[in-house]
Amino acid sequence: SALWQRALLAEQESLQLAELRDALLPGLMSGTIRVKDAERVVGEAV
């Protein structure tokens, strides 16, 4: 059903966002990745 498909897409998006967060947050917090670099990485991933 359409509702089931929307739920699956939302779950996939949530997992992708969590992966991006886990990949970028440590570098951003430590200063090894700058926000501009993170924006580029996110833009390429999305």
PDB file of N, CA and C in Angstrom:
ATOM      1  N   SER A   1       0.841  -1.195   0.000  1.00  0.00           N
ATOM      2  CA  SER A   1       0.000   0.000   0.000  1.00  0.00           C
ATOM      3  C   SER A   1       0.881   1.251   0.000  1.00  0.00           C
ATOM      4  N   ALA A   2       0.266   2.359  -0.323  1.00  0.00           N
ATOM      5  CA  ALA A   2       1.005   3.626  -0.380  1.00  0.00           C
ATOM      6  C   ALA A   2       1.549   4.015   0.993  1.00  0.00           C
ATOM      7  N   LEU A   3       0.778   3.760   2.026  1.00  0.00           N
ATOM      8  CA  LEU A   3       1.220   4.101   3.381  1.00  0.00           C
ATOM      9  C   LEU A   3       2.449   3.279   3.771  1.00  0.00           C
ATOM     10  N   TRP A   4       2.429   2.003   3.430  1.00  0.00           N
ATOM     11  CA  TRP A   4       3.566   1.125   3.732  1.00  0.00           C
ATOM     12  C   TRP A   4       4.820   1.601   3.002  1.00  0.00           C
ATOM     13  N   GLN A   5       4.681   1.989   1.740  1.00  0.00           N
ATOM     14  CA  GLN A   5       5.820   2.484   0.967  1.00  0.00           C
ATOM     15  C   GLN A   5       6.383   3.764   1.576  1.00  0.00           C
ATOM     16  N   ARG A   6       5.503   4.650   2.016  1.00  0.00           N
ATOM     17  CA  ARG A   6       5.966   5.889   2.648  1.00  0.00           C
ATOM     18  C   ARG A   6       6.721   5.592   3.930  1.00  0.00           C
ATOM     19  N   ALA A   7       6.233   4.616   4.693  1.00  0.00           N
ATOM     20  CA  ALA A   7       6.908   4.244   5.936  1.00  0.00           C
ATOM     21  C   ALA A   7       8.293   3.672   5.646  1.00  0.00           C
ATOM     22  N   LEU A   8       8.405   2.843   4.620  1.00  0.00           N
ATOM     23  CA  LEU A   8       9.706   2.275   4.258  1.00  0.00           C
ATOM     24  C   LEU A   8      10.672   3.355   3.792  1.00  0.00           C
ATOM     25  N   LEU A   9      10.188   4.289   2.983  1.00  0.00           N
ATOM     26  CA  LEU A   9      11.041   5.388   2.526  1.00  0.00           C
ATOM     27  C   LEU A   9      11.503   6.251   3.695  1.00  0.00           C
ATOM     28  N   ALA A  10      10.610   6.501   4.635  1.00  0.00           N
ATOM     29  CA  ALA A  10      10.975   7.300   5.805  1.00  0.00           C
ATOM     30  C   ALA A  10      12.039   6.583   6.633  1.00  0.00           C
ATOM     31  N   GLU A  11      11.910   5.277   6.763  1.00  0.00           N
ATOM     32  CA  GLU A  11      12.905   4.512   7.518  1.00  0.00           C
ATOM     33  C   GLU A  11      14.262   4.544   6.817  1.00  0.00           C
ATOM     34  N   GLN A  12      14.266   4.397   5.495  1.00  0.00           N
ATOM     35  CA  GLN A  12      15.519   4.453   4.739  1.00  0.00           C
ATOM     36  C   GLN A  12      16.172   5.824   4.873  1.00  0.00           C
ATOM     37  N   GLU A  13      15.368   6.871   4.791  1.00  0.00           N
ATOM     38  CA  GLU A  13      15.903   8.221   4.936  1.00  0.00           C
ATOM     39  C   GLU A  13      16.483   8.426   6.328  1.00  0.00           C
ATOM     40  N   SER A  14      15.798   7.918   7.324  1.00  0.00           N
ATOM     41  CA  SER A  14      16.278   8.038   8.698  1.00  0.00           C
ATOM     42  C   SER A  14      17.623   7.332   8.875  1.00  0.00           C
ATOM     43  N   LEU A  15      17.754   6.155   8.294  1.00  0.00           N
ATOM     44  CA  LEU A  15      19.020   5.420   8.387  1.00  0.00           C
ATOM     45  C   LEU A  15      20.142   6.166   7.676  1.00  0.00           C
ATOM     46  N   GLN A  16      19.838   6.739   6.516  1.00  0.00           N
ATOM     47  CA  GLN A  16      20.851   7.496   5.772  1.00  0.00           C
ATOM     48  C   GLN A  16      21.289   8.729   6.562  1.00  0.00           C
ATOM     49  N   LEU A  17      20.337   9.421   7.158  1.00  0.00           N
ATOM     50  CA  LEU A  17      20.678  10.600   7.952  1.00  0.00           C
ATOM     51  C   LEU A  17      21.514  10.223   9.171  1.00  0.00           C
ATOM     52  N   ALA A  18      21.192   9.103   9.798  1.00  0.00           N
ATOM     53  CA  ALA A  18      21.969   8.648  10.952  1.00  0.00           C
ATOM     54  C   ALA A  18      23.402   8.314  10.543  1.00  0.00           C
ATOM     55  N   GLU A  19      23.567   7.698   9.359  1.00  0.00           N
ATOM     56  CA  GLU A  19      24.913   7.392   8.874  1.00  0.00           C
ATOM     57  C   GLU A  19      25.707   8.671   8.624  1.00  0.00           C
ATOM     58  N   LEU A  20      25.065   9.662   8.011  1.00  0.00           N
ATOM     59  CA  LEU A  20      25.742  10.940   7.782  1.00  0.00           C
ATOM     60  C   LEU A  20      26.124  11.603   9.100  1.00  0.00           C
ATOM     61  N   ARG A  21      25.208  11.581  10.048  1.00  0.00           N
ATOM     62  CA  ARG A  21      25.490  12.164  11.361  1.00  0.00           C
ATOM     63  C   ARG A  21      26.683  11.479  12.006  1.00  0.00           C
ATOM     64  N   ASP A  22      26.666  10.157  11.997  1.00  0.00           N
ATOM     65  CA  ASP A  22      27.741   9.402  12.638  1.00  0.00           C
ATOM     66  C   ASP A  22      29.082   9.615  11.940  1.00  0.00           C
ATOM     67  N   ALA A  23      29.042   9.850  10.625  1.00  0.00           N
ATOM     68  CA  ALA A  23      30.278  10.063   9.883  1.00  0.00           C
ATOM     69  C   ALA A  23      30.825  11.474  10.082  1.00  0.00           C
ATOM     70  N   LEU A  24      29.941  12.466  10.166  1.00  0.00           N
ATOM     71  CA  LEU A  24      30.381  13.857  10.203  1.00  0.00           C
ATOM     72  C   LEU A  24      30.554  14.438  11.602  1.00  0.00           C
ATOM     73  N   LEU A  25      29.740  14.034  12.536  1.00  0.00           N
ATOM     74  CA  LEU A  25      29.744  14.687  13.846  1.00  0.00           C
ATOM     75  C   LEU A  25      31.089  14.629  14.567  1.00  0.00           C
ATOM     76  N   PRO A  26      31.761  13.486  14.626  1.00  0.00           N
ATOM     77  CA  PRO A  26      33.054  13.480  15.326  1.00  0.00           C
ATOM     78  C   PRO A  26      34.060  14.461  14.721  1.00  0.00           C
ATOM     79  N   GLY A  27      34.119  14.520  13.400  1.00  0.00           N
ATOM     80  CA  GLY A  27      35.041  15.446  12.744  1.00  0.00           C
ATOM     81  C   GLY A  27      34.667  16.894  12.981  1.00  0.00           C
ATOM     82  N   LEU A  28      33.380  17.186  12.970  1.00  0.00           N
ATOM     83  CA  LEU A  28      32.932  18.554  13.237  1.00  0.00           C
ATOM     84  C   LEU A  28      33.240  18.959  14.678  1.00  0.00           C
ATOM     85  N   MET A  29      33.001  18.045  15.607  1.00  0.00           N
ATOM     86  CA  MET A  29      33.241  18.351  17.019  1.00  0.00           C
ATOM     87  C   MET A  29      34.732  18.542  17.310  1.00  0.00           C
ATOM     88  N   SER A  30      35.587  17.776  16.635  1.00  0.00           N
ATOM     89  CA  SER A  30      37.027  17.879  16.889  1.00  0.00           C
ATOM     90  C   SER A  30      37.683  18.990  16.079  1.00  0.00           C
ATOM     91  N   GLY A  31      36.965  19.506  15.093  1.00  0.00           N
ATOM     92  CA  GLY A  31      37.518  20.565  14.263  1.00  0.00           C
ATOM     93  C   GLY A  31      38.307  20.072  13.065  1.00  0.00           C
ATOM     94  N   THR A  32      38.344  18.760  12.851  1.00  0.00           N
ATOM     95  CA  THR A  32      39.070  18.241  11.693  1.00  0.00           C
ATOM     96  C   THR A  32      38.272  18.388  10.401  1.00  0.00           C
ATOM     97  N   ILE A  33      36.970  18.576  10.522  1.00  0.00           N
ATOM     98  CA  ILE A  33      36.112  18.844   9.362  1.00  0.00           C
ATOM     99  C   ILE A  33      35.461  20.198   9.584  1.00  0.00           C
ATOM    100  N   ARG A  34      35.522  21.042   8.578  1.00  0.00           N
ATOM    101  CA  ARG A  34      34.871  22.349   8.653  1.00  0.00           C
ATOM    102  C   ARG A  34      33.449  22.224   8.121  1.00  0.00           C
ATOM    103  N   VAL A  35      32.595  23.147   8.526  1.00  0.00           N
ATOM    104  CA  VAL A  35      31.191  23.107   8.124  1.00  0.00           C
ATOM    105  C   VAL A  35      31.060  23.133   6.602  1.00  0.00           C
ATOM    106  N   LYS A  36      31.851  23.955   5.927  1.00  0.00           N
ATOM    107  CA  LYS A  36      31.782  24.013   4.458  1.00  0.00           C
ATOM    108  C   LYS A  36      32.092  22.647   3.844  1.00  0.00           C
ATOM    109  N   ASP A  37      33.083  21.942   4.399  1.00  0.00           N
ATOM    110  CA  ASP A  37      33.416  20.608   3.896  1.00  0.00           C
ATOM    111  C   ASP A  37      32.271  19.636   4.159  1.00  0.00           C
ATOM    112  N   ALA A  38      31.662  19.742   5.323  1.00  0.00           N
ATOM    113  CA  ALA A  38      30.543  18.870   5.666  1.00  0.00           C
ATOM    114  C   ALA A  38      29.358  19.129   4.742  1.00  0.00           C
ATOM    115  N   GLU A  39      29.108  20.389   4.410  1.00  0.00           N
ATOM    116  CA  GLU A  39      28.012  20.716   3.497  1.00  0.00           C
ATOM    117  C   GLU A  39      28.246  20.070   2.136  1.00  0.00           C
ATOM    118  N   ARG A  40      29.487  20.075   1.676  1.00  0.00           N
ATOM    119  CA  ARG A  40      29.816  19.465   0.383  1.00  0.00           C
ATOM    120  C   ARG A  40      29.579  17.960   0.431  1.00  0.00           C
ATOM    121  N   VAL A  41      30.011  17.323   1.504  1.00  0.00           N
ATOM    122  CA  VAL A  41      29.840  15.875   1.648  1.00  0.00           C
ATOM    123  C   VAL A  41      28.358  15.518   1.671  1.00  0.00           C
ATOM    124  N   VAL A  42      27.583  16.267   2.422  1.00  0.00           N
ATOM    125  CA  VAL A  42      26.148  16.001   2.500  1.00  0.00           C
ATOM    126  C   VAL A  42      25.499  16.226   1.138  1.00  0.00           C
ATOM    127  N   GLY A  43      25.890  17.273   0.453  1.00  0.00           N
ATOM    128  CA  GLY A  43      25.342  17.537  -0.875  1.00  0.00           C
ATOM    129  C   GLY A  43      25.628  16.414  -1.853  1.00  0.00           C
ATOM    130  N   GLU A  44      26.801  15.824  -1.766  1.00  0.00           N
ATOM    131  CA  GLU A  44      27.159  14.709  -2.641  1.00  0.00           C
ATOM    132  C   GLU A  44      26.392  13.445  -2.271  1.00  0.00           C
ATOM    133  N   ALA A  45      26.115  13.259  -0.993  1.00  0.00           N
ATOM    134  CA  ALA A  45      25.436  12.049  -0.535  1.00  0.00           C
ATOM    135  C   ALA A  45      23.942  12.082  -0.812  1.00  0.00           C
ATOM    136  N   VAL A  46      23.390  13.275  -0.841  1.00  0.00           N
ATOM    137  CA  VAL A  46      21.937  13.401  -1.022  1.00  0.00           C
ATOM    138  C   VAL A  46      21.621  13.566  -2.433  1.00  0.00           C
TER     139      VAL A  46
END
